[in-house]
Amino acid sequence: MKRFFQSEAGAAVLWVVSAVLLAAVVSPWLYQAGKWLGGVSAAGDLNALAEWLGKSCRRAPFSRYFSRSLTISALLLLPLLFRRIRRIRAGADATGVAVRRVCWQSALIQIAAGCVIAGGMLWATGAALEMLGAYVPKNKAPGIGKLAGGILPTAIGASLLEEWLFRGILLGLWLKFTKPLAACLGTSLVFAFVHFLQPPDGTVIAAPGAPLAGFELLGKILLHFTDPQFFLTDFATLFVIGMMLARARVRTGALWFSIGLHAGWILAFKGFNLIYQSVPAHPLRPWGVGDTLRSGGVPLLALGLTAVICHFVLQRFETKRALG
């Protein structure tokens, strides 16, 4: 254990834990600042951008402030992670699977292939579930402009940022400490854990602005991980997604195919959620399918089929190294 925490992978894990704890400290203060801005903007004395931001702050629940605090904390602590890594590398040989350069044509092909495979399979899963009655169209479906404006920025930004952080930095560091398979497993667990750092539905924090409110919310989040159904219907799905993204990174030696997969899943997931809604009393619930396409056994099986397709497609792009 001591050797692990003296490694680059251990430094990365400490970075994640520290970011979570710092978010618990910062989130009540960010909440207070956001609500203050929301109150000031309600008077209409600010410019359009500030009023839009203030309106968003007024609507946002405390859990969203915690999520934003986590992102800010991770970025603030990133220089400390890099500094720790430089010290470790000064006395160790660099090993692992490095990110390789590819031409822009190949990068675009990998992004497009990953996006089409992931997005197409997830949307097909949603369409099949609609035929089975598990989802029905919403009464007021958004227009094309709202769909594009609400989904495209998130798909592009999240896929680039998260792949850089999880598969570029974290997996890259882990690969220098252990074998590719173990590195993929470890980073996928972290990936799934971070994505579920949100409280269960109906969670109430009595005093969101109190100094310990962030730790209260963190306790409720961690308690959520003791639910077996949550692990089998939600956590397992994100873990499988993390493994597929990590495996693509290792096999291709680059991030482009992973970025495409990630963007495709976000486009299909958010697009489907904006157009369709789940049927609470459907026989497939809760084990077969949940509130979204990210939950349940059916989406998990669809991910397995997606992984098989990716296996054969990746043979065109993979490096000489195999996942060991």
Protein backbone atom coordinates (compact mmCIF):
# COMPACT_ATOMS: atom_id res chain seq x y z
CA MET A 1 0.00 0.00 0.00
CA LYS A 2 2.83 2.39 0.86
CA ARG A 3 4.45 1.68 -2.52
CA PHE A 4 1.16 2.44 -4.26
CA PHE A 5 0.78 5.89 -2.67
CA GLN A 6 4.40 6.66 -3.53
CA SER A 7 3.58 5.98 -7.19
CA GLU A 8 2.01 8.20 -9.85
CA ALA A 9 -1.23 6.20 -9.66
CA GLY A 10 -1.36 6.70 -5.90
CA ALA A 11 -0.81 10.43 -6.39
CA ALA A 12 -3.75 10.48 -8.80
CA VAL A 13 -6.02 8.69 -6.30
CA LEU A 14 -5.01 11.14 -3.57
CA TRP A 15 -5.82 13.97 -5.99
CA VAL A 16 -9.37 12.60 -6.45
CA VAL A 17 -9.94 12.12 -2.70
CA SER A 18 -8.55 15.59 -1.91
CA ALA A 19 -10.77 17.17 -4.57
CA VAL A 20 -13.87 15.51 -3.08
CA LEU A 21 -13.02 16.70 0.44
CA LEU A 22 -12.22 20.22 -0.77
CA ALA A 23 -15.54 20.30 -2.63
CA ALA A 24 -17.33 19.43 0.62
CA VAL A 25 -15.63 22.42 2.26
CA VAL A 26 -16.16 24.88 -0.62
CA SER A 27 -19.72 24.00 -1.72
CA PRO A 28 -21.61 25.81 1.12
CA TRP A 29 -19.69 29.01 0.42
CA LEU A 30 -20.27 28.70 -3.31
CA TYR A 31 -23.95 28.11 -2.57
CA GLN A 32 -24.15 31.29 -0.51
CA ALA A 33 -22.37 33.28 -3.23
CA GLY A 34 -24.67 31.86 -5.90
CA LYS A 35 -27.83 32.67 -3.99
CA TRP A 36 -26.53 36.19 -3.31
CA LEU A 37 -25.91 36.69 -7.03
CA GLY A 38 -29.35 35.26 -7.75
CA GLY A 39 -30.95 37.77 -5.39
CA VAL A 40 -29.04 40.71 -6.84
CA SER A 41 -29.85 39.71 -10.43
CA ALA A 42 -33.54 39.40 -9.59
CA ALA A 43 -33.64 43.20 -9.25
CA GLY A 44 -32.62 43.49 -12.93
CA ASP A 45 -29.75 45.91 -12.30
CA LEU A 46 -27.05 43.76 -13.94
CA ASN A 47 -26.06 43.09 -17.54
CA ALA A 48 -27.67 40.28 -19.53
CA LEU A 49 -24.90 37.75 -18.88
CA ALA A 50 -24.93 38.37 -15.11
CA GLU A 51 -28.71 38.16 -15.00
CA TRP A 52 -28.66 34.86 -16.89
CA LEU A 53 -26.04 33.50 -14.49
CA GLY A 54 -28.01 34.78 -11.50
CA LYS A 55 -31.17 33.10 -12.76
CA SER A 56 -29.30 29.80 -13.07
CA CYS A 57 -27.93 30.23 -9.54
CA ARG A 58 -31.42 30.82 -8.15
CA ARG A 59 -32.73 27.61 -9.71
CA ALA A 60 -29.75 25.39 -8.90
CA PRO A 61 -30.07 22.93 -6.00
CA PHE A 62 -27.28 22.46 -3.49
CA SER A 63 -26.18 19.23 -5.21
CA ARG A 64 -25.31 21.20 -8.35
CA TYR A 65 -23.18 23.57 -6.32
CA PHE A 66 -21.39 20.54 -4.90
CA SER A 67 -20.80 19.22 -8.42
CA ARG A 68 -19.38 22.54 -9.60
CA SER A 69 -17.23 22.75 -6.46
CA LEU A 70 -15.82 19.32 -7.28
CA THR A 71 -14.84 20.44 -10.78
CA ILE A 72 -13.23 23.61 -9.47
CA SER A 73 -11.40 21.71 -6.71
CA ALA A 74 -10.03 19.14 -9.15
CA LEU A 75 -8.67 21.87 -11.42
CA LEU A 76 -7.20 23.85 -8.50
CA LEU A 77 -5.39 20.78 -7.19
CA LEU A 78 -4.15 19.70 -10.62
CA PRO A 79 -0.85 21.69 -10.37
CA LEU A 80 -0.08 19.91 -7.09
CA LEU A 81 -0.67 16.57 -8.81
CA PHE A 82 1.70 17.49 -11.64
CA ARG A 83 4.33 18.63 -9.14
CA ARG A 84 4.07 15.35 -7.22
CA ILE A 85 4.34 13.38 -10.46
CA ARG A 86 7.48 15.26 -11.52
CA ARG A 87 9.13 14.36 -8.21
CA ILE A 88 8.20 10.70 -8.60
CA ARG A 89 9.42 10.59 -12.20
CA ALA A 90 12.74 12.13 -11.20
CA GLY A 91 13.73 8.87 -9.54
CA ALA A 92 11.92 6.33 -11.71
CA ASP A 93 12.00 5.02 -15.25
CA ALA A 94 9.04 5.85 -17.44
CA THR A 95 7.08 2.80 -18.55
CA GLY A 96 3.53 2.12 -19.64
CA VAL A 97 1.51 2.77 -22.75
CA ALA A 98 2.19 6.26 -24.06
CA VAL A 99 -0.23 8.40 -26.02
CA ARG A 100 0.92 8.38 -29.64
CA ARG A 101 0.48 11.00 -32.31
CA VAL A 102 -1.87 10.29 -35.19
CA CYS A 103 -2.58 12.32 -38.31
CA TRP A 104 -5.64 14.54 -38.25
CA GLN A 105 -7.43 12.41 -40.85
CA SER A 106 -7.11 9.30 -38.68
CA ALA A 107 -8.16 11.28 -35.60
CA LEU A 108 -11.34 12.48 -37.32
CA ILE A 109 -12.14 8.97 -38.55
CA GLN A 110 -11.70 7.55 -35.04
CA ILE A 111 -13.90 10.27 -33.50
CA ALA A 112 -16.61 9.76 -36.13
CA ALA A 113 -16.52 5.97 -35.84
CA GLY A 114 -16.75 6.04 -32.05
CA CYS A 115 -19.55 8.63 -32.10
CA VAL A 116 -21.65 6.72 -34.63
CA ILE A 117 -21.20 3.35 -32.88
CA ALA A 118 -21.91 4.60 -29.35
CA GLY A 119 -24.67 7.05 -30.24
CA GLY A 120 -26.32 4.74 -32.74
CA MET A 121 -26.40 1.74 -30.41
CA LEU A 122 -27.70 3.74 -27.45
CA TRP A 123 -30.42 5.38 -29.53
CA ALA A 124 -31.39 1.99 -30.98
CA THR A 125 -31.68 0.69 -27.40
CA GLY A 126 -33.96 3.59 -26.54
CA ALA A 127 -36.07 2.99 -29.65
CA ALA A 128 -36.45 -0.70 -28.73
CA LEU A 129 -37.49 0.23 -25.19
CA GLU A 130 -40.03 2.68 -26.60
CA MET A 131 -41.51 -0.13 -28.69
CA LEU A 132 -41.77 -2.20 -25.50
CA GLY A 133 -43.58 0.67 -23.78
CA ALA A 134 -40.85 1.49 -21.27
CA TYR A 135 -40.57 5.04 -22.67
CA VAL A 136 -43.13 7.36 -24.23
CA PRO A 137 -42.69 10.70 -26.06
CA LYS A 138 -43.01 13.83 -23.96
CA ASN A 139 -45.95 16.13 -24.56
CA LYS A 140 -43.71 19.04 -25.53
CA ALA A 141 -40.63 17.85 -27.41
CA PRO A 142 -37.94 20.53 -27.86
CA GLY A 143 -37.11 21.88 -31.30
CA ILE A 144 -33.95 21.15 -33.26
CA GLY A 145 -32.37 24.41 -32.15
CA LYS A 146 -32.89 23.69 -28.46
CA LEU A 147 -31.68 20.12 -28.89
CA ALA A 148 -28.49 21.23 -30.61
CA GLY A 149 -27.88 24.15 -28.26
CA GLY A 150 -28.45 22.07 -25.16
CA ILE A 151 -26.55 18.95 -26.17
CA LEU A 152 -23.68 19.78 -28.55
CA PRO A 153 -21.66 22.01 -26.15
CA THR A 154 -21.96 19.42 -23.39
CA ALA A 155 -21.04 16.53 -25.68
CA ILE A 156 -17.98 18.31 -27.02
CA GLY A 157 -16.81 19.83 -23.75
CA ALA A 158 -17.41 16.82 -21.51
CA SER A 159 -15.90 14.29 -23.92
CA LEU A 160 -12.74 16.34 -24.41
CA LEU A 161 -12.26 17.29 -20.75
CA GLU A 162 -13.13 13.92 -19.20
CA GLU A 163 -11.11 11.90 -21.69
CA TRP A 164 -8.12 14.16 -21.09
CA LEU A 165 -8.50 13.79 -17.32
CA PHE A 166 -9.48 10.13 -16.97
CA ARG A 167 -7.95 8.38 -19.97
CA GLY A 168 -5.19 10.87 -20.73
CA ILE A 169 -3.85 11.77 -17.27
CA LEU A 170 -5.24 9.25 -14.76
CA LEU A 171 -5.01 6.14 -16.94
CA GLY A 172 -1.67 7.28 -18.32
CA LEU A 173 -0.31 7.53 -14.78
CA TRP A 174 -1.82 4.20 -13.73
CA LEU A 175 -0.27 2.45 -16.73
CA LYS A 176 3.17 3.40 -15.41
CA PHE A 177 2.48 1.60 -12.14
CA THR A 178 0.74 -1.60 -13.17
CA LYS A 179 -0.41 -3.73 -16.11
CA PRO A 180 -2.93 -2.32 -18.61
CA LEU A 181 -5.86 -4.47 -17.43
CA ALA A 182 -5.41 -3.47 -13.78
CA ALA A 183 -4.97 0.17 -14.81
CA CYS A 184 -8.19 0.07 -16.83
CA LEU A 185 -10.08 -1.51 -13.93
CA GLY A 186 -8.80 1.06 -11.44
CA THR A 187 -9.50 4.14 -13.53
CA SER A 188 -12.93 2.80 -14.53
CA LEU A 189 -13.90 2.43 -10.88
CA VAL A 190 -12.80 6.02 -10.21
CA PHE A 191 -14.67 7.19 -13.34
CA ALA A 192 -17.93 5.52 -12.25
CA PHE A 193 -17.53 6.72 -8.65
CA VAL A 194 -16.99 10.36 -9.64
CA HIS A 195 -20.01 10.32 -11.97
CA PHE A 196 -22.25 9.19 -9.13
CA LEU A 197 -21.11 11.79 -6.63
CA GLN A 198 -24.65 13.06 -6.40
CA PRO A 199 -27.29 12.34 -3.75
CA PRO A 200 -30.25 9.96 -4.24
CA ASP A 201 -33.51 11.51 -5.47
CA GLY A 202 -35.39 13.26 -2.70
CA THR A 203 -32.31 14.07 -0.62
CA VAL A 204 -32.82 17.22 1.45
CA ILE A 205 -30.12 19.30 3.14
CA ALA A 206 -31.79 21.38 5.85
CA ALA A 207 -29.21 24.19 5.86
CA PRO A 208 -27.27 24.23 2.55
CA GLY A 209 -25.33 27.32 3.57
CA ALA A 210 -24.03 25.81 6.82
CA PRO A 211 -20.24 25.13 6.95
CA LEU A 212 -20.71 21.35 7.23
CA ALA A 213 -23.48 21.06 4.62
CA GLY A 214 -21.03 19.73 2.04
CA PHE A 215 -19.96 16.90 4.34
CA GLU A 216 -23.60 16.14 5.12
CA LEU A 217 -24.30 15.80 1.41
CA LEU A 218 -21.14 13.72 0.90
CA GLY A 219 -22.30 11.33 3.64
CA LYS A 220 -25.67 10.86 1.92
CA ILE A 221 -23.91 10.25 -1.39
CA LEU A 222 -21.60 7.60 0.08
CA LEU A 223 -24.59 5.94 1.81
CA HIS A 224 -26.16 5.62 -1.64
CA PHE A 225 -23.33 3.24 -2.60
CA THR A 226 -24.59 0.68 -0.06
CA ASP A 227 -27.71 0.01 -2.17
CA PRO A 228 -27.26 -3.29 -4.12
CA GLN A 229 -29.81 -2.26 -6.77
CA PHE A 230 -27.88 0.96 -7.41
CA PHE A 231 -24.70 -1.04 -8.01
CA LEU A 232 -26.29 -3.51 -10.40
CA THR A 233 -28.47 -1.09 -12.38
CA ASP A 234 -26.49 2.18 -12.38
CA PHE A 235 -22.91 1.90 -11.15
CA ALA A 236 -22.21 -1.19 -13.27
CA THR A 237 -23.26 0.68 -16.43
CA LEU A 238 -20.83 3.54 -15.84
CA PHE A 239 -18.09 1.08 -14.92
CA VAL A 240 -18.56 -0.80 -18.21
CA ILE A 241 -18.50 2.50 -20.10
CA GLY A 242 -15.26 3.41 -18.32
CA MET A 243 -13.72 0.07 -19.26
CA MET A 244 -14.67 0.49 -22.90
CA LEU A 245 -13.18 3.99 -23.02
CA ALA A 246 -10.01 2.87 -21.24
CA ARG A 247 -9.61 -0.17 -23.48
CA ALA A 248 -9.97 2.00 -26.59
CA ARG A 249 -7.25 4.29 -25.23
CA VAL A 250 -4.88 1.38 -24.63
CA ARG A 251 -5.54 -0.37 -27.94
CA THR A 252 -5.24 2.73 -30.12
CA GLY A 253 -2.56 4.48 -28.07
CA ALA A 254 -4.59 7.70 -28.51
CA LEU A 255 -7.68 9.40 -27.11
CA TRP A 256 -9.60 10.01 -30.34
CA PHE A 257 -11.74 6.87 -30.46
CA SER A 258 -12.57 7.28 -26.75
CA ILE A 259 -13.57 10.91 -27.35
CA GLY A 260 -15.88 9.78 -30.15
CA LEU A 261 -17.50 7.10 -28.00
CA HIS A 262 -17.96 9.52 -25.13
CA ALA A 263 -19.48 12.22 -27.33
CA GLY A 264 -21.80 9.72 -29.03
CA TRP A 265 -23.16 8.44 -25.72
CA ILE A 266 -23.80 11.97 -24.47
CA LEU A 267 -25.55 13.02 -27.69
CA ALA A 268 -27.85 9.99 -27.67
CA PHE A 269 -28.41 9.98 -23.89
CA LYS A 270 -29.31 13.66 -23.54
CA GLY A 271 -31.20 13.79 -26.82
CA PHE A 272 -33.34 10.79 -25.89
CA ASN A 273 -34.02 12.22 -22.40
CA LEU A 274 -35.23 15.50 -23.91
CA ILE A 275 -37.69 13.75 -26.22
CA TYR A 276 -38.84 10.74 -24.19
CA GLN A 277 -39.79 10.00 -20.60
CA SER A 278 -39.84 6.70 -18.71
CA VAL A 279 -43.01 4.84 -17.73
CA PRO A 280 -42.83 4.32 -13.93
CA ALA A 281 -45.11 1.25 -13.78
CA HIS A 282 -43.53 -0.68 -16.65
CA PRO A 283 -42.78 -4.40 -15.94
CA LEU A 284 -39.09 -3.96 -16.85
CA ARG A 285 -38.55 -1.57 -13.96
CA PRO A 286 -36.43 -1.27 -11.91
CA TRP A 287 -33.96 -4.03 -12.82
CA GLY A 288 -34.44 -4.08 -16.59
CA VAL A 289 -34.56 -0.33 -17.12
CA GLY A 290 -34.56 2.75 -14.93
CA ASP A 291 -35.45 6.41 -15.29
CA THR A 292 -32.83 6.91 -18.02
CA LEU A 293 -30.89 4.90 -20.58
CA ARG A 294 -27.99 4.83 -18.13
CA SER A 295 -29.78 2.51 -15.74
CA GLY A 296 -30.86 -1.12 -15.89
CA GLY A 297 -29.97 -4.50 -17.30
CA VAL A 298 -31.18 -3.79 -20.85
CA PRO A 299 -28.83 -0.80 -21.38
CA LEU A 300 -26.05 -2.88 -19.83
CA LEU A 301 -26.63 -5.67 -22.34
CA ALA A 302 -26.66 -3.10 -25.15
CA LEU A 303 -23.29 -1.84 -23.92
CA GLY A 304 -21.97 -5.40 -24.13
CA LEU A 305 -23.02 -5.58 -27.78
CA THR A 306 -21.44 -2.17 -28.37
CA ALA A 307 -18.20 -3.48 -26.85
CA VAL A 308 -18.20 -6.41 -29.30
CA ILE A 309 -18.63 -4.04 -32.25
CA CYS A 310 -15.86 -1.80 -30.92
CA HIS A 311 -13.56 -4.80 -30.56
CA PHE A 312 -13.61 -5.45 -34.30
CA VAL A 313 -13.57 -1.78 -35.33
CA LEU A 314 -10.57 -1.11 -33.07
CA GLN A 315 -8.51 -3.67 -34.99
CA ARG A 316 -8.17 -1.00 -37.68
CA PHE A 317 -6.70 1.54 -35.27
CA GLU A 318 -4.98 -0.42 -32.52
CA THR A 319 -1.26 -0.35 -31.77
CA LYS A 320 0.97 -3.41 -31.48
CA ARG A 321 0.36 -3.58 -27.72
CA ALA A 322 -2.41 -5.79 -26.39
CA LEU A 323 -4.49 -5.31 -23.27
CA GLY A 324 -2.77 -7.53 -20.72
